[in-house]
Amino acid sequence: MKLIRHTINPVLKPNILNEWESLNVFNCGVVHHADLFHLFYRAQGPDYVSRIGYAVSADGINFNRFQDPLLSPVDEWETRG
């Protein structure tokens, strides 16, 4: 399998409408299952707390994000990654 970087890069950018992911979006991982692309990503808002977001796509380029993080830290030591 040869992977090729898409010309629309990055496909996911910070979303200023959701404070928890308004500063950084990085460390994405994608799984293709049941004809959908499931994308998990690490995001930060102005508090620099890392949270895990989820987005889904039919074409692997245009993703629909969940508005709330999938995972958020519980303890203080978990807040940076």
C-alpha atoms as a PDB file:
ATOM      1  CA  MET A   1       0.000   0.000   0.000  1.00  0.00           C
ATOM      2  CA  LYS A   2       1.332   3.439  -0.885  1.00  0.00           C
ATOM      3  CA  LEU A   3      -0.041   6.461   0.955  1.00  0.00           C
ATOM      4  CA  ILE A   4      -0.187   9.829  -0.783  1.00  0.00           C
ATOM      5  CA  ARG A   5      -0.668  13.160   0.993  1.00  0.00           C
ATOM      6  CA  HIS A   6      -3.899  14.785  -0.177  1.00  0.00           C
ATOM      7  CA  THR A   7      -3.713  18.288  -1.645  1.00  0.00           C
ATOM      8  CA  ILE A   8      -6.254  19.470   0.950  1.00  0.00           C
ATOM      9  CA  ASN A   9      -3.880  19.359   3.876  1.00  0.00           C
ATOM     10  CA  PRO A  10      -4.551  19.350   6.714  1.00  0.00           C
ATOM     11  CA  VAL A  11      -8.051  17.926   6.446  1.00  0.00           C
ATOM     12  CA  LEU A  12      -8.813  18.878  10.054  1.00  0.00           C
ATOM     13  CA  LYS A  13      -7.981  22.254  11.595  1.00  0.00           C
ATOM     14  CA  PRO A  14      -8.789  23.817  14.983  1.00  0.00           C
ATOM     15  CA  ASN A  15     -12.457  24.683  15.371  1.00  0.00           C
ATOM     16  CA  ILE A  16     -12.898  28.116  16.959  1.00  0.00           C
ATOM     17  CA  LEU A  17     -16.568  27.362  17.643  1.00  0.00           C
ATOM     18  CA  ASN A  18     -15.607  24.672  20.198  1.00  0.00           C
ATOM     19  CA  GLU A  19     -13.353  26.088  22.888  1.00  0.00           C
ATOM     20  CA  TRP A  20     -11.880  22.685  23.791  1.00  0.00           C
ATOM     21  CA  GLU A  21     -10.420  22.301  20.246  1.00  0.00           C
ATOM     22  CA  SER A  22      -9.942  25.937  19.234  1.00  0.00           C
ATOM     23  CA  LEU A  23      -6.136  26.152  19.555  1.00  0.00           C
ATOM     24  CA  ASN A  24      -4.534  22.925  18.261  1.00  0.00           C
ATOM     25  CA  VAL A  25      -5.566  19.748  16.446  1.00  0.00           C
ATOM     26  CA  PHE A  26      -2.937  17.050  16.040  1.00  0.00           C
ATOM     27  CA  ASN A  27      -1.957  13.361  16.371  1.00  0.00           C
ATOM     28  CA  CYS A  28      -4.822  12.142  14.166  1.00  0.00           C
ATOM     29  CA  GLY A  29      -5.474   8.468  13.588  1.00  0.00           C
ATOM     30  CA  VAL A  30      -7.956   7.098  11.058  1.00  0.00           C
ATOM     31  CA  VAL A  31      -9.720   3.757  10.745  1.00  0.00           C
ATOM     32  CA  HIS A  32     -11.731   2.784   7.668  1.00  0.00           C
ATOM     33  CA  HIS A  33     -14.635   0.555   8.706  1.00  0.00           C
ATOM     34  CA  ALA A  34     -18.092  -0.112   7.256  1.00  0.00           C
ATOM     35  CA  ASP A  35     -17.523   2.363   4.387  1.00  0.00           C
ATOM     36  CA  LEU A  36     -16.753   5.227   6.803  1.00  0.00           C
ATOM     37  CA  PHE A  37     -13.534   6.894   7.896  1.00  0.00           C
ATOM     38  CA  HIS A  38     -13.400   7.238  11.691  1.00  0.00           C
ATOM     39  CA  LEU A  39     -10.892   9.871  12.813  1.00  0.00           C
ATOM     40  CA  PHE A  40      -9.644  10.277  16.367  1.00  0.00           C
ATOM     41  CA  TYR A  41      -7.553  13.324  17.182  1.00  0.00           C
ATOM     42  CA  ARG A  42      -5.918  15.170  20.052  1.00  0.00           C
ATOM     43  CA  ALA A  43      -7.036  18.775  20.513  1.00  0.00           C
ATOM     44  CA  GLN A  44      -6.352  21.705  22.822  1.00  0.00           C
ATOM     45  CA  GLY A  45      -8.116  24.930  23.648  1.00  0.00           C
ATOM     46  CA  PRO A  46      -6.683  28.049  25.290  1.00  0.00           C
ATOM     47  CA  ASP A  47      -6.302  26.116  28.567  1.00  0.00           C
ATOM     48  CA  TYR A  48      -3.779  23.778  26.797  1.00  0.00           C
ATOM     49  CA  VAL A  49      -5.618  20.747  28.181  1.00  0.00           C
ATOM     50  CA  SER A  50      -5.462  17.798  25.777  1.00  0.00           C
ATOM     51  CA  ARG A  51      -8.699  16.057  24.873  1.00  0.00           C
ATOM     52  CA  ILE A  52      -9.562  13.376  22.312  1.00  0.00           C
ATOM     53  CA  GLY A  53     -12.064  14.273  19.614  1.00  0.00           C
ATOM     54  CA  TYR A  54     -13.901  12.134  17.083  1.00  0.00           C
ATOM     55  CA  ALA A  55     -14.956  12.869  13.511  1.00  0.00           C
ATOM     56  CA  VAL A  56     -16.463  10.709  10.779  1.00  0.00           C
ATOM     57  CA  SER A  57     -16.382  10.930   6.979  1.00  0.00           C
ATOM     58  CA  ALA A  58     -17.761   9.061   3.981  1.00  0.00           C
ATOM     59  CA  ASP A  59     -14.972  10.227   1.630  1.00  0.00           C
ATOM     60  CA  GLY A  60     -11.959  10.570   3.960  1.00  0.00           C
ATOM     61  CA  ILE A  61     -11.651  14.301   3.268  1.00  0.00           C
ATOM     62  CA  ASN A  62     -14.779  16.041   4.562  1.00  0.00           C
ATOM     63  CA  PHE A  63     -15.229  15.166   8.233  1.00  0.00           C
ATOM     64  CA  ASN A  64     -18.153  15.785  10.572  1.00  0.00           C
ATOM     65  CA  ARG A  65     -16.970  16.285  14.150  1.00  0.00           C
ATOM     66  CA  PHE A  66     -18.703  15.457  17.363  1.00  0.00           C
ATOM     67  CA  GLN A  67     -19.233  18.730  19.242  1.00  0.00           C
ATOM     68  CA  ASP A  68     -17.966  17.349  22.548  1.00  0.00           C
ATOM     69  CA  PRO A  69     -14.680  15.558  23.193  1.00  0.00           C
ATOM     70  CA  LEU A  70     -14.750  11.779  23.246  1.00  0.00           C
ATOM     71  CA  LEU A  71     -12.247  11.654  26.125  1.00  0.00           C
ATOM     72  CA  SER A  72     -11.285  14.343  28.633  1.00  0.00           C
ATOM     73  CA  PRO A  73      -8.792  14.182  31.490  1.00  0.00           C
ATOM     74  CA  VAL A  74     -10.071  13.317  34.936  1.00  0.00           C
ATOM     75  CA  ASP A  75      -6.946  13.918  37.010  1.00  0.00           C
ATOM     76  CA  GLU A  76      -4.580  16.914  36.871  1.00  0.00           C
ATOM     77  CA  TRP A  77      -1.622  14.784  35.712  1.00  0.00           C
ATOM     78  CA  GLU A  78      -3.604  13.795  32.562  1.00  0.00           C
ATOM     79  CA  THR A  79      -4.121  17.331  31.251  1.00  0.00           C
ATOM     80  CA  ARG A  80      -1.040  17.674  29.005  1.00  0.00           C
ATOM     81  CA  GLY A  81      -1.265  14.621  26.820  1.00  0.00           C
END
